[in-house]
Structure formats: C-alpha cells, structure tokens
N, C-alpha and C. Protein backbone atom coordinates (compact mmCIF):
# COMPACT_ATOMS: atom_id res chain seq x y z
N MET A 1 0.84 -1.18 0.00
CA MET A 1 0.00 0.00 0.00
C MET A 1 0.89 1.25 0.00
N THR A 2 0.56 2.18 -0.84
CA THR A 2 1.31 3.42 -0.95
C THR A 2 0.46 4.59 -0.47
N THR A 3 1.07 5.45 0.29
CA THR A 3 0.36 6.66 0.68
C THR A 3 1.09 7.86 0.10
N THR A 4 0.31 8.82 -0.31
CA THR A 4 0.87 10.03 -0.89
C THR A 4 0.33 11.23 -0.13
N GLU A 5 1.22 12.12 0.21
CA GLU A 5 0.79 13.34 0.89
C GLU A 5 0.34 14.36 -0.14
N LEU A 6 -0.80 14.98 0.12
CA LEU A 6 -1.28 16.02 -0.79
C LEU A 6 -0.39 17.25 -0.68
N THR A 7 -0.05 17.81 -1.83
CA THR A 7 0.74 19.04 -1.83
C THR A 7 -0.20 20.22 -1.62
N LYS A 8 0.37 21.38 -1.36
CA LYS A 8 -0.43 22.60 -1.20
C LYS A 8 -1.19 22.90 -2.49
N LYS A 9 -0.56 22.60 -3.60
CA LYS A 9 -1.22 22.79 -4.89
C LYS A 9 -2.43 21.86 -4.99
N ASP A 10 -2.27 20.60 -4.61
CA ASP A 10 -3.39 19.64 -4.67
C ASP A 10 -4.56 20.10 -3.81
N ILE A 11 -4.26 20.60 -2.62
CA ILE A 11 -5.30 21.05 -1.69
C ILE A 11 -6.06 22.24 -2.28
N LEU A 12 -5.33 23.19 -2.86
CA LEU A 12 -5.97 24.35 -3.49
C LEU A 12 -6.83 23.92 -4.67
N LEU A 13 -6.29 23.06 -5.51
CA LEU A 13 -7.03 22.62 -6.69
C LEU A 13 -8.27 21.81 -6.32
N GLU A 14 -8.17 21.05 -5.24
CA GLU A 14 -9.32 20.29 -4.77
C GLU A 14 -10.46 21.23 -4.36
N THR A 15 -10.12 22.30 -3.69
CA THR A 15 -11.13 23.30 -3.30
C THR A 15 -11.73 23.95 -4.52
N LEU A 16 -10.89 24.40 -5.44
CA LEU A 16 -11.37 25.11 -6.63
C LEU A 16 -12.15 24.20 -7.57
N SER A 17 -11.88 22.91 -7.55
CA SER A 17 -12.57 21.99 -8.46
C SER A 17 -14.06 21.84 -8.14
N GLN A 18 -14.50 22.42 -7.02
CA GLN A 18 -15.92 22.41 -6.68
C GLN A 18 -16.72 23.36 -7.57
N LEU A 19 -16.03 24.27 -8.24
CA LEU A 19 -16.71 25.22 -9.11
C LEU A 19 -17.22 24.50 -10.35
N ASP A 20 -18.39 24.91 -10.83
CA ASP A 20 -19.02 24.26 -11.98
C ASP A 20 -19.05 25.23 -13.17
N PHE A 21 -18.41 24.84 -14.25
CA PHE A 21 -18.37 25.66 -15.45
C PHE A 21 -19.04 24.96 -16.63
N SER A 22 -19.89 23.98 -16.35
CA SER A 22 -20.49 23.16 -17.40
C SER A 22 -21.45 23.93 -18.30
N ASN A 23 -21.98 25.06 -17.84
CA ASN A 23 -22.91 25.84 -18.66
C ASN A 23 -22.21 26.90 -19.50
N GLU A 24 -20.90 26.94 -19.42
CA GLU A 24 -20.13 27.93 -20.15
C GLU A 24 -20.02 27.54 -21.63
N PRO A 25 -19.92 28.52 -22.54
CA PRO A 25 -19.72 28.19 -23.95
C PRO A 25 -18.50 27.28 -24.15
N SER A 26 -18.59 26.38 -25.11
CA SER A 26 -17.55 25.36 -25.32
C SER A 26 -16.17 25.96 -25.60
N PHE A 27 -16.12 27.11 -26.24
CA PHE A 27 -14.83 27.77 -26.52
C PHE A 27 -14.06 27.99 -25.22
N TYR A 28 -14.73 28.49 -24.19
CA TYR A 28 -14.08 28.78 -22.92
C TYR A 28 -13.79 27.51 -22.13
N GLN A 29 -14.63 26.48 -22.29
CA GLN A 29 -14.34 25.19 -21.66
C GLN A 29 -13.04 24.63 -22.24
N GLY A 30 -12.85 24.81 -23.54
CA GLY A 30 -11.61 24.36 -24.18
C GLY A 30 -10.39 25.09 -23.64
N LEU A 31 -10.52 26.41 -23.43
CA LEU A 31 -9.41 27.17 -22.86
C LEU A 31 -9.09 26.70 -21.44
N ARG A 32 -10.14 26.38 -20.68
CA ARG A 32 -9.93 25.87 -19.32
C ARG A 32 -9.19 24.54 -19.35
N LYS A 33 -9.57 23.64 -20.25
CA LYS A 33 -8.90 22.33 -20.35
C LYS A 33 -7.43 22.50 -20.71
N GLN A 34 -7.15 23.40 -21.64
CA GLN A 34 -5.77 23.65 -22.03
C GLN A 34 -4.96 24.19 -20.85
N ALA A 35 -5.53 25.14 -20.12
CA ALA A 35 -4.83 25.70 -18.96
C ALA A 35 -4.66 24.66 -17.85
N LEU A 36 -5.64 23.76 -17.69
CA LEU A 36 -5.52 22.70 -16.69
C LEU A 36 -4.37 21.76 -17.04
N SER A 37 -4.23 21.47 -18.31
CA SER A 37 -3.12 20.63 -18.77
C SER A 37 -1.78 21.31 -18.45
N GLU A 38 -1.70 22.61 -18.66
CA GLU A 38 -0.48 23.36 -18.34
C GLU A 38 -0.24 23.39 -16.83
N LEU A 39 -1.32 23.54 -16.07
CA LEU A 39 -1.24 23.61 -14.62
C LEU A 39 -0.69 22.33 -14.01
N GLU A 40 -1.00 21.18 -14.60
CA GLU A 40 -0.53 19.90 -14.08
C GLU A 40 0.99 19.82 -14.03
N ASN A 41 1.67 20.56 -14.89
CA ASN A 41 3.13 20.52 -14.95
C ASN A 41 3.82 21.62 -14.16
N LEU A 42 3.05 22.41 -13.43
CA LEU A 42 3.60 23.55 -12.70
C LEU A 42 3.51 23.36 -11.20
N GLU A 43 4.46 23.92 -10.47
CA GLU A 43 4.43 23.92 -9.01
C GLU A 43 4.55 25.36 -8.53
N PHE A 44 4.17 25.59 -7.29
CA PHE A 44 4.30 26.93 -6.73
C PHE A 44 5.77 27.33 -6.69
N PRO A 45 6.05 28.59 -7.00
CA PRO A 45 7.43 29.06 -6.90
C PRO A 45 7.85 29.14 -5.43
N ASN A 46 9.14 29.24 -5.21
CA ASN A 46 9.66 29.39 -3.84
C ASN A 46 10.74 30.46 -3.84
N SER A 47 11.39 30.63 -2.72
CA SER A 47 12.40 31.70 -2.60
C SER A 47 13.61 31.48 -3.52
N LYS A 48 13.74 30.29 -4.06
CA LYS A 48 14.84 30.02 -4.99
C LYS A 48 14.46 30.27 -6.45
N THR A 49 13.18 30.57 -6.67
CA THR A 49 12.70 30.89 -8.02
C THR A 49 13.01 32.36 -8.27
N GLU A 50 13.83 32.64 -9.27
CA GLU A 50 14.38 33.98 -9.49
C GLU A 50 13.33 35.09 -9.45
N TYR A 51 12.28 34.98 -10.23
CA TYR A 51 11.30 36.07 -10.30
C TYR A 51 10.46 36.21 -9.03
N TRP A 52 10.50 35.23 -8.16
CA TRP A 52 9.67 35.24 -6.96
C TRP A 52 10.49 35.31 -5.68
N LYS A 53 11.80 35.45 -5.76
CA LYS A 53 12.64 35.32 -4.57
C LYS A 53 12.39 36.39 -3.51
N TYR A 54 11.82 37.53 -3.86
CA TYR A 54 11.55 38.57 -2.88
C TYR A 54 10.07 38.64 -2.50
N THR A 55 9.28 37.73 -2.98
CA THR A 55 7.85 37.73 -2.70
C THR A 55 7.53 36.70 -1.63
N ARG A 56 6.76 37.10 -0.66
CA ARG A 56 6.36 36.19 0.42
C ARG A 56 5.12 35.43 -0.04
N LEU A 57 5.33 34.26 -0.57
CA LEU A 57 4.23 33.47 -1.10
C LEU A 57 3.50 32.66 -0.05
N GLY A 58 4.10 32.52 1.12
CA GLY A 58 3.49 31.70 2.17
C GLY A 58 2.07 32.13 2.50
N LYS A 59 1.81 33.43 2.49
CA LYS A 59 0.46 33.93 2.81
C LYS A 59 -0.56 33.49 1.76
N ILE A 60 -0.10 33.21 0.58
CA ILE A 60 -1.01 32.77 -0.49
C ILE A 60 -1.14 31.25 -0.47
N ILE A 61 -0.03 30.54 -0.47
CA ILE A 61 -0.09 29.09 -0.65
C ILE A 61 -0.35 28.31 0.63
N ASN A 62 -0.17 28.94 1.79
CA ASN A 62 -0.44 28.24 3.04
C ASN A 62 -1.86 28.48 3.56
N LYS A 63 -2.59 29.33 2.89
CA LYS A 63 -3.94 29.67 3.32
C LYS A 63 -4.93 28.59 2.91
N LYS A 64 -5.93 28.36 3.74
CA LYS A 64 -7.00 27.43 3.38
C LYS A 64 -8.11 28.24 2.72
N TYR A 65 -8.42 27.89 1.51
CA TYR A 65 -9.44 28.61 0.76
C TYR A 65 -10.76 27.86 0.79
N GLU A 66 -11.85 28.61 0.64
CA GLU A 66 -13.16 27.99 0.56
C GLU A 66 -14.02 28.78 -0.42
N ILE A 67 -14.97 28.08 -1.02
CA ILE A 67 -15.90 28.72 -1.94
C ILE A 67 -17.04 29.29 -1.11
N LYS A 68 -17.28 30.60 -1.26
CA LYS A 68 -18.33 31.24 -0.47
C LYS A 68 -19.49 31.65 -1.36
N LYS A 69 -20.64 31.64 -0.78
CA LYS A 69 -21.84 32.13 -1.46
C LYS A 69 -21.79 33.66 -1.49
N ALA A 70 -22.56 34.24 -2.40
CA ALA A 70 -22.64 35.69 -2.49
C ALA A 70 -23.16 36.26 -1.18
N GLU A 71 -22.60 37.37 -0.79
CA GLU A 71 -22.99 38.01 0.46
C GLU A 71 -23.81 39.26 0.15
N ILE A 72 -24.65 39.63 1.10
CA ILE A 72 -25.34 40.91 1.01
C ILE A 72 -24.43 41.93 1.68
N ILE A 73 -24.07 42.94 0.95
CA ILE A 73 -23.15 43.92 1.49
C ILE A 73 -23.71 45.33 1.32
N ASP A 74 -23.16 46.23 2.10
CA ASP A 74 -23.52 47.64 2.01
C ASP A 74 -22.30 48.36 1.44
N ILE A 75 -22.46 48.96 0.26
CA ILE A 75 -21.31 49.60 -0.39
C ILE A 75 -21.17 51.08 -0.04
N ASP A 76 -22.07 51.61 0.78
CA ASP A 76 -22.04 53.05 1.10
C ASP A 76 -20.69 53.52 1.61
N ALA A 77 -20.02 52.72 2.38
CA ALA A 77 -18.71 53.10 2.93
C ALA A 77 -17.64 53.23 1.84
N PHE A 78 -17.89 52.66 0.67
CA PHE A 78 -16.91 52.68 -0.41
C PHE A 78 -17.20 53.73 -1.47
N LEU A 79 -18.37 54.36 -1.37
CA LEU A 79 -18.75 55.36 -2.37
C LEU A 79 -18.09 56.70 -2.05
N ILE A 80 -17.70 57.41 -3.08
CA ILE A 80 -17.09 58.73 -2.92
C ILE A 80 -18.21 59.75 -3.12
N PRO A 81 -18.50 60.55 -2.11
CA PRO A 81 -19.63 61.49 -2.21
C PRO A 81 -19.52 62.43 -3.41
N ASP A 82 -20.65 62.66 -4.06
CA ASP A 82 -20.78 63.60 -5.18
C ASP A 82 -19.89 63.26 -6.37
N LEU A 83 -19.50 62.02 -6.50
CA LEU A 83 -18.68 61.59 -7.64
C LEU A 83 -19.61 61.03 -8.71
N ASP A 84 -19.62 61.65 -9.88
CA ASP A 84 -20.50 61.26 -10.98
C ASP A 84 -19.79 60.23 -11.86
N VAL A 85 -20.00 58.94 -11.54
CA VAL A 85 -19.30 57.87 -12.22
C VAL A 85 -20.22 56.68 -12.47
N ASN A 86 -19.79 55.79 -13.33
CA ASN A 86 -20.40 54.48 -13.43
C ASN A 86 -19.80 53.65 -12.30
N ILE A 87 -20.65 52.95 -11.56
CA ILE A 87 -20.17 52.15 -10.44
C ILE A 87 -20.31 50.68 -10.80
N ILE A 88 -19.19 49.98 -10.73
CA ILE A 88 -19.15 48.54 -10.99
C ILE A 88 -18.77 47.86 -9.68
N VAL A 89 -19.63 46.94 -9.22
CA VAL A 89 -19.38 46.28 -7.93
C VAL A 89 -19.15 44.78 -8.16
N LEU A 90 -18.05 44.30 -7.61
CA LEU A 90 -17.74 42.87 -7.61
C LEU A 90 -17.76 42.41 -6.16
N VAL A 91 -18.50 41.32 -5.90
CA VAL A 91 -18.55 40.74 -4.56
C VAL A 91 -18.00 39.32 -4.65
N ASN A 92 -16.91 39.07 -3.94
CA ASN A 92 -16.22 37.78 -4.01
C ASN A 92 -15.91 37.39 -5.45
N GLY A 93 -15.53 38.37 -6.26
CA GLY A 93 -15.15 38.11 -7.64
C GLY A 93 -16.30 38.05 -8.62
N PHE A 94 -17.54 38.19 -8.14
CA PHE A 94 -18.70 38.12 -9.02
C PHE A 94 -19.29 39.51 -9.22
N TYR A 95 -19.58 39.84 -10.47
CA TYR A 95 -20.24 41.10 -10.80
C TYR A 95 -21.61 41.13 -10.15
N ASN A 96 -21.92 42.21 -9.45
CA ASN A 96 -23.21 42.35 -8.78
C ASN A 96 -23.99 43.47 -9.47
N LYS A 97 -24.92 43.07 -10.31
CA LYS A 97 -25.69 44.04 -11.11
C LYS A 97 -26.56 44.93 -10.23
N SER A 98 -27.14 44.37 -9.16
CA SER A 98 -28.05 45.17 -8.33
C SER A 98 -27.32 46.27 -7.56
N LEU A 99 -26.05 46.09 -7.25
CA LEU A 99 -25.28 47.12 -6.54
C LEU A 99 -24.56 48.07 -7.50
N SER A 100 -24.44 47.67 -8.75
CA SER A 100 -23.75 48.50 -9.74
C SER A 100 -24.71 49.52 -10.33
N HIS A 101 -24.16 50.61 -10.84
CA HIS A 101 -24.97 51.63 -11.51
C HIS A 101 -24.21 52.06 -12.76
N ILE A 102 -24.73 51.65 -13.90
CA ILE A 102 -24.04 51.92 -15.16
C ILE A 102 -25.00 52.59 -16.12
N GLU A 103 -24.60 53.77 -16.61
CA GLU A 103 -25.40 54.47 -17.61
C GLU A 103 -24.93 54.03 -19.00
N GLU A 104 -25.89 53.65 -19.82
CA GLU A 104 -25.57 53.20 -21.18
C GLU A 104 -24.93 54.35 -21.98
N GLN A 105 -23.97 54.00 -22.80
CA GLN A 105 -23.35 54.96 -23.70
C GLN A 105 -23.01 54.23 -24.99
N GLU A 106 -23.37 54.84 -26.11
CA GLU A 106 -23.08 54.22 -27.40
C GLU A 106 -21.56 54.08 -27.57
N GLY A 107 -21.13 52.88 -27.95
CA GLY A 107 -19.71 52.62 -28.17
C GLY A 107 -18.96 52.15 -26.94
N ILE A 108 -19.63 52.12 -25.78
CA ILE A 108 -19.01 51.65 -24.54
C ILE A 108 -19.87 50.53 -23.98
N LYS A 109 -19.25 49.42 -23.66
CA LYS A 109 -19.96 48.30 -23.05
C LYS A 109 -19.32 48.00 -21.70
N LEU A 110 -20.15 47.95 -20.67
CA LEU A 110 -19.71 47.58 -19.33
C LEU A 110 -20.63 46.45 -18.89
N LEU A 111 -20.10 45.26 -18.71
CA LEU A 111 -20.92 44.13 -18.33
C LEU A 111 -20.09 43.06 -17.63
N SER A 112 -20.78 42.09 -17.06
CA SER A 112 -20.06 41.01 -16.38
C SER A 112 -19.33 40.16 -17.41
N LEU A 113 -18.29 39.51 -16.97
CA LEU A 113 -17.53 38.61 -17.84
C LEU A 113 -18.43 37.48 -18.32
N ILE A 114 -19.29 36.98 -17.43
CA ILE A 114 -20.22 35.91 -17.80
C ILE A 114 -21.12 36.36 -18.95
N ASP A 115 -21.72 37.54 -18.82
CA ASP A 115 -22.59 38.06 -19.89
C ASP A 115 -21.80 38.30 -21.17
N GLY A 116 -20.59 38.82 -21.03
CA GLY A 116 -19.76 39.07 -22.20
C GLY A 116 -19.41 37.79 -22.95
N LYS A 117 -19.15 36.72 -22.21
CA LYS A 117 -18.86 35.43 -22.84
C LYS A 117 -20.08 34.90 -23.57
N GLU A 118 -21.25 35.00 -22.95
CA GLU A 118 -22.47 34.48 -23.55
C GLU A 118 -22.90 35.29 -24.76
N ASN A 119 -22.64 36.60 -24.74
CA ASN A 119 -23.06 37.47 -25.84
C ASN A 119 -21.98 37.68 -26.89
N GLY A 120 -20.81 37.08 -26.67
CA GLY A 120 -19.73 37.17 -27.66
C GLY A 120 -19.12 38.55 -27.81
N VAL A 121 -19.24 39.40 -26.80
CA VAL A 121 -18.75 40.77 -26.88
C VAL A 121 -17.22 40.77 -26.89
N VAL A 122 -16.62 40.76 -28.03
CA VAL A 122 -15.17 40.83 -28.28
C VAL A 122 -14.27 40.07 -27.31
N ILE A 123 -14.82 39.48 -26.30
CA ILE A 123 -13.98 38.77 -25.33
C ILE A 123 -13.27 37.59 -25.98
N LYS A 124 -13.97 36.89 -26.84
CA LYS A 124 -13.41 35.69 -27.47
C LYS A 124 -12.11 36.02 -28.22
N ASN A 125 -12.03 37.21 -28.79
CA ASN A 125 -10.83 37.60 -29.55
C ASN A 125 -9.64 37.94 -28.66
N HIS A 126 -9.89 38.21 -27.39
CA HIS A 126 -8.82 38.67 -26.52
C HIS A 126 -8.56 37.78 -25.31
N PHE A 127 -9.54 37.02 -24.91
CA PHE A 127 -9.44 36.26 -23.66
C PHE A 127 -8.30 35.26 -23.72
N SER A 128 -7.41 35.32 -22.75
CA SER A 128 -6.29 34.40 -22.60
C SER A 128 -5.31 34.45 -23.77
N LYS A 129 -5.17 35.60 -24.41
CA LYS A 129 -4.30 35.71 -25.58
C LYS A 129 -2.99 36.43 -25.33
N TYR A 130 -2.87 37.15 -24.23
CA TYR A 130 -1.73 38.06 -24.08
C TYR A 130 -0.69 37.62 -23.06
N ALA A 131 -0.94 36.55 -22.37
CA ALA A 131 0.03 36.03 -21.41
C ALA A 131 -0.07 34.51 -21.43
N SER A 132 1.06 33.86 -21.41
CA SER A 132 1.09 32.40 -21.46
C SER A 132 1.10 31.81 -20.05
N SER A 133 0.22 30.82 -19.85
CA SER A 133 0.19 30.16 -18.53
C SER A 133 1.06 28.90 -18.52
N LYS A 134 1.83 28.68 -19.56
CA LYS A 134 2.67 27.47 -19.62
C LYS A 134 3.75 27.47 -18.55
N ASN A 135 4.22 28.64 -18.15
CA ASN A 135 5.30 28.72 -17.17
C ASN A 135 4.90 29.48 -15.91
N GLU A 136 3.66 29.86 -15.79
CA GLU A 136 3.22 30.70 -14.68
C GLU A 136 2.01 30.09 -13.99
N ILE A 137 2.23 29.52 -12.80
CA ILE A 137 1.18 28.77 -12.11
C ILE A 137 -0.02 29.64 -11.74
N PHE A 138 0.19 30.87 -11.30
CA PHE A 138 -0.94 31.70 -10.88
C PHE A 138 -1.80 32.11 -12.08
N LEU A 139 -1.19 32.33 -13.22
CA LEU A 139 -1.96 32.62 -14.43
C LEU A 139 -2.74 31.37 -14.87
N ALA A 140 -2.11 30.21 -14.77
CA ALA A 140 -2.79 28.96 -15.13
C ALA A 140 -3.99 28.72 -14.21
N ILE A 141 -3.81 28.94 -12.90
CA ILE A 141 -4.92 28.77 -11.96
C ILE A 141 -6.06 29.71 -12.32
N ASN A 142 -5.73 30.96 -12.63
CA ASN A 142 -6.76 31.93 -13.01
C ASN A 142 -7.45 31.51 -14.30
N ASN A 143 -6.70 31.02 -15.27
CA ASN A 143 -7.30 30.62 -16.54
C ASN A 143 -8.23 29.42 -16.38
N VAL A 144 -7.91 28.53 -15.46
CA VAL A 144 -8.74 27.34 -15.25
C VAL A 144 -9.97 27.68 -14.41
N PHE A 145 -9.80 28.46 -13.35
CA PHE A 145 -10.85 28.58 -12.34
C PHE A 145 -11.51 29.96 -12.24
N HIS A 146 -11.22 30.88 -13.17
CA HIS A 146 -11.89 32.18 -13.08
C HIS A 146 -13.40 31.97 -13.15
N SER A 147 -14.14 32.78 -12.43
CA SER A 147 -15.58 32.60 -12.41
C SER A 147 -16.31 33.77 -13.03
N ASP A 148 -15.96 34.97 -12.69
CA ASP A 148 -16.62 36.13 -13.24
C ASP A 148 -15.66 37.30 -13.14
N GLY A 149 -16.11 38.42 -13.49
CA GLY A 149 -15.32 39.64 -13.47
C GLY A 149 -16.11 40.69 -14.20
N VAL A 150 -15.41 41.65 -14.72
CA VAL A 150 -16.09 42.71 -15.46
C VAL A 150 -15.41 42.88 -16.80
N CYS A 151 -16.21 43.17 -17.80
CA CYS A 151 -15.71 43.43 -19.15
C CYS A 151 -16.01 44.89 -19.48
N ILE A 152 -14.98 45.63 -19.81
CA ILE A 152 -15.15 47.02 -20.23
C ILE A 152 -14.59 47.11 -21.64
N HIS A 153 -15.46 47.47 -22.58
CA HIS A 153 -15.02 47.55 -23.98
C HIS A 153 -15.43 48.89 -24.57
N SER A 154 -14.49 49.51 -25.23
CA SER A 154 -14.76 50.78 -25.90
C SER A 154 -14.47 50.61 -27.39
N ASP A 155 -15.41 51.05 -28.22
CA ASP A 155 -15.15 51.07 -29.65
C ASP A 155 -14.04 52.08 -29.93
N LYS A 156 -13.42 51.95 -31.08
CA LYS A 156 -12.33 52.83 -31.47
C LYS A 156 -12.81 54.29 -31.50
N ASN A 157 -11.99 55.18 -30.98
CA ASN A 157 -12.24 56.62 -30.97
C ASN A 157 -13.44 57.06 -30.15
N VAL A 158 -13.89 56.23 -29.23
CA VAL A 158 -15.00 56.60 -28.35
C VAL A 158 -14.42 56.98 -26.99
N ILE A 159 -14.86 58.10 -26.47
CA ILE A 159 -14.41 58.57 -25.17
C ILE A 159 -15.57 58.42 -24.19
N ALA A 160 -15.31 57.77 -23.07
CA ALA A 160 -16.35 57.57 -22.06
C ALA A 160 -16.76 58.92 -21.47
N LYS A 161 -18.08 59.09 -21.31
CA LYS A 161 -18.59 60.33 -20.71
C LYS A 161 -18.33 60.37 -19.21
N LYS A 162 -18.28 59.18 -18.59
CA LYS A 162 -18.04 59.08 -17.15
C LYS A 162 -16.97 58.02 -16.89
N PRO A 163 -16.14 58.27 -15.89
CA PRO A 163 -15.18 57.23 -15.50
C PRO A 163 -15.89 56.09 -14.77
N CYS A 164 -15.19 54.99 -14.58
CA CYS A 164 -15.73 53.85 -13.86
C CYS A 164 -15.09 53.79 -12.48
N HIS A 165 -15.92 53.60 -11.48
CA HIS A 165 -15.46 53.39 -10.12
C HIS A 165 -15.73 51.90 -9.83
N ILE A 166 -14.67 51.12 -9.70
CA ILE A 166 -14.82 49.69 -9.47
C ILE A 166 -14.64 49.41 -7.98
N ILE A 167 -15.65 48.83 -7.39
CA ILE A 167 -15.59 48.44 -5.98
C ILE A 167 -15.50 46.93 -5.95
N ASN A 168 -14.38 46.43 -5.45
CA ASN A 168 -14.15 44.99 -5.44
C ASN A 168 -14.07 44.51 -4.02
C-alpha cells in the first residue's frame, strides 16, 4: 500500500474543483482544459525561483481557501460622495448588477464577464491571448478557475462620458 501526501497545490485545486463551469460556452471550456493541462506541470514558486525570490508566497499558498456564497453587502462606505461615475461592484469576484450603476453609452460596453462570454462581446478575440500560462502557475490557476469579473469595452475613438469606479 502506498500513501501520498497532498501538496499545497493539490489542496488548493481540490477546493477550486468544486466550481461548476459546465454551462459555459464550449470555446471557454476548451481554454480551461488547455490551462488545466499546463497547470498539471507547474508547481508553486519558492524563494529560490528567481522572479519570486523577494515575494512572500506563504500567505497565499499556506492559506486554506473555501468557496463562499454571495454576500449581502452595504457599499455606502466605499462610495465617494458627489462623484458622478459608473459604479461597478464585484462581490467575491462576481459582478453584482443590483449594486452596480451603469449608464448606457453608445460605443461603450460595461458588463459582467459571464454576460460578455455568452453574448460574444469581443472577449473571445482577446481572452487568454496576451500572457502564457505554460510557465506561470498563478496565471494557469486563473485561466482554469476564473468565475466572473467585469468586461469594459470601448469602440475605437470613443471617449467615455463618465469614469468607472470599481468596488471589489
């Protein structure tokens, strides 16, 4: 009989594997599978890893993570008085439409990453295209297990009438 000790990476991945992405468009499921394949060959960096030698990774990799349900929060403490902006609110990484306030503007799209993926809003052309997760474990983890976020897209030569205030 052989026993194997779970690594910190295994423990993190076990927690994150509880997330369900089965309703996502197949294009993004394919990107997740590719990133998962890359992730299998990567380990967390340590103090001997050149690019990470001055970063204290223990606070990230030694932490026990859990998947939490959406919380009801009060954003009043985060609002800047008399600031005329579009407000985008993310709660535990998920776009919260009821707490956000976005005024429509022609040529500017502000929406959740989930909605952007489903509606094909230019995300497909850019998602996971500008950084390789083949050698970077944190990018690979994000590519496999991202759940939501915000998509901000501006058509060429369009200037936003209002800035965005993102409360995360």
